[in-house]
N, C-alpha and C. Protein backbone atom coordinates (compact mmCIF):
# COMPACT_ATOMS: atom_id res chain seq x y z
N MET A 1 0.89 -1.38 0.10
CA MET A 1 -0.16 0.06 0.54
C MET A 1 0.91 1.01 0.30
N ASN A 2 1.81 1.21 0.83
CA ASN A 2 3.00 2.21 1.10
C ASN A 2 3.71 2.86 -0.35
N LYS A 3 4.30 1.88 -1.72
CA LYS A 3 4.17 2.09 -2.68
C LYS A 3 3.47 2.44 -3.53
N ILE A 4 2.08 1.71 -3.36
CA ILE A 4 1.19 2.77 -4.47
C ILE A 4 0.95 4.44 -3.95
N THR A 5 0.92 4.22 -2.85
CA THR A 5 1.04 6.16 -2.00
C THR A 5 1.92 6.83 -2.55
N SER A 6 3.56 6.35 -2.43
CA SER A 6 4.20 7.01 -3.03
C SER A 6 4.36 7.49 -4.74
N PHE A 7 3.47 6.25 -5.15
CA PHE A 7 3.38 6.61 -6.77
C PHE A 7 2.59 7.90 -7.30
N LEU A 8 1.52 7.25 -6.76
CA LEU A 8 0.40 8.56 -6.65
C LEU A 8 0.74 10.21 -6.19
N LEU A 9 1.49 9.98 -5.28
CA LEU A 9 2.39 11.70 -5.07
C LEU A 9 2.86 11.66 -6.09
N PHE A 10 4.19 10.75 -6.47
CA PHE A 10 5.30 10.95 -7.11
C PHE A 10 4.36 11.45 -8.65
N SER A 11 3.04 11.10 -8.94
CA SER A 11 2.54 11.06 -10.08
C SER A 11 2.12 12.37 -10.31
N PHE A 12 1.46 12.87 -9.07
CA PHE A 12 0.31 14.69 -8.72
C PHE A 12 1.84 15.26 -9.07
N LEU A 13 2.84 15.18 -7.98
CA LEU A 13 3.97 16.09 -8.21
C LEU A 13 4.83 16.62 -9.72
N LEU A 14 4.80 15.56 -10.42
CA LEU A 14 4.95 15.07 -11.75
C LEU A 14 4.05 16.50 -12.76
N SER A 15 2.94 16.06 -12.60
CA SER A 15 2.33 16.87 -13.28
C SER A 15 2.30 18.24 -13.01
N ALA A 16 2.15 18.30 -12.10
CA ALA A 16 1.67 19.77 -11.66
C ALA A 16 3.23 20.19 -11.56
N SER A 17 3.90 20.27 -11.81
CA SER A 17 5.19 20.90 -12.16
C SER A 17 5.15 20.93 -13.94
N CYS A 18 4.73 20.06 -14.93
CA CYS A 18 4.62 20.14 -16.37
C CYS A 18 3.95 21.37 -16.29
N THR A 19 3.03 21.87 -15.89
CA THR A 19 1.68 22.40 -16.29
C THR A 19 2.59 24.04 -15.52
N SER A 20 2.54 24.16 -17.21
CA SER A 20 3.11 25.78 -16.66
C SER A 20 1.90 26.89 -17.45
N GLU A 21 0.55 26.20 -17.72
CA GLU A 21 0.30 26.99 -18.39
C GLU A 21 -0.33 28.30 -17.25
N THR A 22 -0.61 29.36 -18.04
CA THR A 22 -0.72 30.69 -17.90
C THR A 22 -2.37 30.73 -17.52
N LEU A 23 -3.00 31.05 -15.75
CA LEU A 23 -4.24 31.08 -15.80
C LEU A 23 -4.92 32.03 -15.90
N LEU A 24 -5.96 32.28 -16.21
CA LEU A 24 -6.82 33.34 -17.17
C LEU A 24 -7.92 32.99 -16.50
N ALA A 25 -8.96 34.20 -16.26
CA ALA A 25 -10.42 33.75 -15.84
C ALA A 25 -11.02 34.72 -16.42
N PRO A 26 -12.42 33.96 -17.09
CA PRO A 26 -13.31 35.44 -17.53
C PRO A 26 -13.68 36.23 -16.70
N VAL A 27 -13.62 37.77 -17.04
CA VAL A 27 -14.56 38.24 -15.79
C VAL A 27 -15.67 39.47 -16.41
N GLU A 28 -16.28 39.91 -16.23
CA GLU A 28 -17.33 40.73 -17.38
C GLU A 28 -17.00 42.30 -16.03
N ILE A 29 -16.88 42.88 -17.32
CA ILE A 29 -17.08 44.36 -16.89
C ILE A 29 -17.30 45.52 -17.92
N ASP A 30 -18.37 46.33 -16.71
CA ASP A 30 -19.41 46.97 -17.99
C ASP A 30 -19.76 46.07 -19.13
N GLY A 31 -20.64 45.12 -18.23
CA GLY A 31 -21.55 44.30 -19.43
C GLY A 31 -20.77 43.56 -20.70
N LYS A 32 -19.35 43.70 -20.74
CA LYS A 32 -18.25 42.93 -21.68
C LYS A 32 -17.50 42.40 -21.36
N TRP A 33 -17.14 41.21 -21.58
CA TRP A 33 -16.13 40.00 -21.32
C TRP A 33 -15.04 39.99 -21.68
N GLY A 34 -14.02 39.80 -20.98
CA GLY A 34 -12.91 39.89 -21.13
C GLY A 34 -11.81 38.76 -19.89
N PHE A 35 -10.71 38.83 -19.90
CA PHE A 35 -10.11 37.52 -19.21
C PHE A 35 -9.09 38.85 -17.89
N ILE A 36 -8.74 38.09 -16.67
CA ILE A 36 -7.45 38.25 -16.08
C ILE A 36 -7.12 37.16 -15.48
N ASP A 37 -5.73 37.71 -15.34
CA ASP A 37 -5.05 36.61 -14.45
C ASP A 37 -4.83 36.29 -13.00
N LYS A 38 -4.28 35.85 -12.69
CA LYS A 38 -3.96 35.09 -11.11
C LYS A 38 -3.75 36.10 -10.60
N THR A 39 -3.15 37.41 -10.77
CA THR A 39 -3.36 38.71 -10.05
C THR A 39 -4.26 39.80 -9.87
N GLY A 40 -4.78 39.25 -10.92
CA GLY A 40 -6.47 39.98 -10.69
C GLY A 40 -6.15 41.37 -12.00
N LYS A 41 -4.88 40.96 -13.04
CA LYS A 41 -4.86 42.33 -13.98
C LYS A 41 -5.61 41.35 -14.81
N ILE A 42 -5.61 42.60 -16.15
CA ILE A 42 -6.37 42.65 -16.94
C ILE A 42 -5.56 42.10 -18.07
N ALA A 43 -5.61 40.72 -18.99
CA ALA A 43 -4.59 40.47 -19.50
C ALA A 43 -5.69 39.97 -21.02
N ILE A 44 -6.65 40.14 -20.75
CA ILE A 44 -7.03 40.65 -22.34
C ILE A 44 -8.81 41.00 -22.06
N ASN A 45 -8.34 42.08 -22.72
CA ASN A 45 -9.55 43.47 -22.62
C ASN A 45 -11.20 43.24 -23.08
N PRO A 46 -11.70 43.46 -22.04
CA PRO A 46 -13.30 42.82 -22.62
C PRO A 46 -13.63 43.71 -23.66
N GLN A 47 -14.46 42.44 -24.63
CA GLN A 47 -14.81 42.88 -25.72
C GLN A 47 -15.69 42.13 -26.43
N PHE A 48 -16.09 41.21 -25.36
CA PHE A 48 -16.85 39.59 -25.84
C PHE A 48 -18.06 39.82 -25.23
N GLU A 49 -19.65 39.68 -26.06
CA GLU A 49 -20.54 39.33 -25.38
C GLU A 49 -20.35 38.40 -24.04
N ASP A 50 -19.39 37.43 -24.46
CA ASP A 50 -19.55 35.95 -23.43
C ASP A 50 -18.21 35.66 -23.97
N ALA A 51 -17.78 34.96 -23.00
CA ALA A 51 -16.24 34.21 -22.06
C ALA A 51 -16.60 33.17 -21.88
N TRP A 52 -15.82 31.85 -21.64
CA TRP A 52 -15.89 31.01 -21.21
C TRP A 52 -14.03 30.43 -20.44
N GLU A 53 -14.03 29.67 -19.63
CA GLU A 53 -12.58 29.06 -19.26
C GLU A 53 -12.11 29.13 -20.45
N PHE A 54 -10.72 28.73 -20.13
CA PHE A 54 -10.01 28.32 -21.09
C PHE A 54 -9.56 26.70 -21.81
N LYS A 55 -9.56 25.77 -21.87
CA LYS A 55 -9.64 24.56 -21.85
C LYS A 55 -8.46 24.32 -23.29
N GLU A 56 -7.49 23.47 -22.81
CA GLU A 56 -6.55 22.98 -23.86
C GLU A 56 -5.83 24.05 -24.58
N GLY A 57 -6.16 25.78 -24.04
CA GLY A 57 -5.00 26.45 -24.38
C GLY A 57 -6.46 27.73 -25.33
N LEU A 58 -7.37 27.11 -25.28
CA LEU A 58 -8.89 27.97 -26.07
C LEU A 58 -9.61 28.53 -25.15
N ALA A 59 -10.42 29.23 -25.61
CA ALA A 59 -11.46 30.20 -25.08
C ALA A 59 -12.63 30.06 -25.94
N THR A 60 -13.74 29.69 -25.61
CA THR A 60 -14.83 29.95 -26.28
C THR A 60 -15.32 31.61 -25.94
N ILE A 61 -15.82 31.92 -27.12
CA ILE A 61 -15.94 33.30 -27.10
C ILE A 61 -17.31 33.64 -27.56
N GLN A 62 -18.26 34.43 -27.55
CA GLN A 62 -19.38 35.02 -28.57
C GLN A 62 -19.02 36.52 -28.37
N LEU A 63 -19.46 36.89 -29.97
CA LEU A 63 -19.22 37.99 -30.58
C LEU A 63 -20.85 38.57 -31.34
N GLY A 64 -21.51 38.94 -30.69
CA GLY A 64 -22.70 39.57 -31.35
C GLY A 64 -23.18 37.95 -31.48
N ASN A 65 -23.95 37.73 -31.91
CA ASN A 65 -24.34 36.11 -31.97
C ASN A 65 -24.04 35.04 -32.51
N LYS A 66 -22.84 35.05 -32.60
CA LYS A 66 -21.92 34.29 -33.08
C LYS A 66 -20.28 33.56 -32.10
N TYR A 67 -20.05 32.64 -32.15
CA TYR A 67 -19.26 32.18 -31.44
C TYR A 67 -17.68 31.87 -32.05
N GLY A 68 -16.69 32.17 -31.21
CA GLY A 68 -15.40 31.28 -31.46
C GLY A 68 -14.53 30.76 -30.69
N TYR A 69 -13.03 30.63 -30.73
CA TYR A 69 -12.16 30.61 -29.94
C TYR A 69 -11.18 31.36 -29.89
N ILE A 70 -10.68 32.32 -28.88
CA ILE A 70 -9.32 33.04 -28.91
C ILE A 70 -8.40 31.94 -27.97
N ASP A 71 -7.06 32.37 -28.04
CA ASP A 71 -5.85 31.98 -27.83
C ASP A 71 -5.97 32.77 -26.67
N LYS A 72 -4.58 31.80 -25.84
CA LYS A 72 -4.19 33.07 -24.08
C LYS A 72 -3.77 34.29 -24.19
N SER A 73 -3.62 34.84 -25.75
CA SER A 73 -3.27 36.00 -26.30
C SER A 73 -4.08 37.08 -26.62
N GLY A 74 -5.43 36.50 -26.62
CA GLY A 74 -6.39 37.62 -27.06
C GLY A 74 -6.55 37.25 -28.50
N LYS A 75 -5.82 36.10 -29.40
CA LYS A 75 -6.04 36.52 -30.93
C LYS A 75 -7.10 35.28 -31.31
N ILE A 76 -8.14 36.10 -31.82
CA ILE A 76 -8.61 35.21 -32.86
C ILE A 76 -8.58 34.17 -33.39
N VAL A 77 -8.52 32.66 -33.22
CA VAL A 77 -8.25 31.47 -33.48
C VAL A 77 -8.83 31.00 -34.51
N THR A 78 -10.40 31.04 -34.52
CA THR A 78 -11.32 30.27 -35.24
C THR A 78 -12.66 31.28 -35.12
N ASN A 79 -12.82 32.09 -36.28
CA ASN A 79 -13.66 33.20 -36.55
C ASN A 79 -15.04 32.86 -36.08
N PRO A 80 -15.66 34.08 -35.44
CA PRO A 80 -17.15 33.60 -35.10
C PRO A 80 -17.68 33.88 -36.09
């Protein structure tokens, strides 16, 4: 049992150290959605009607009544 616990702990620590993903969270300001970083600084200016969390490096956004994807720099990678 101790070997299993050690293996699981090692696996967790390894996976945690391999994620250098920038954490951005959607935020609504004055009726538009953008993204903030973990310090609360605006990383992507609010410009969307809606925005969802990043998954695998992309976030779904809504512009008007259409949807697309942006990367973590705010660049639209799939046009709405």
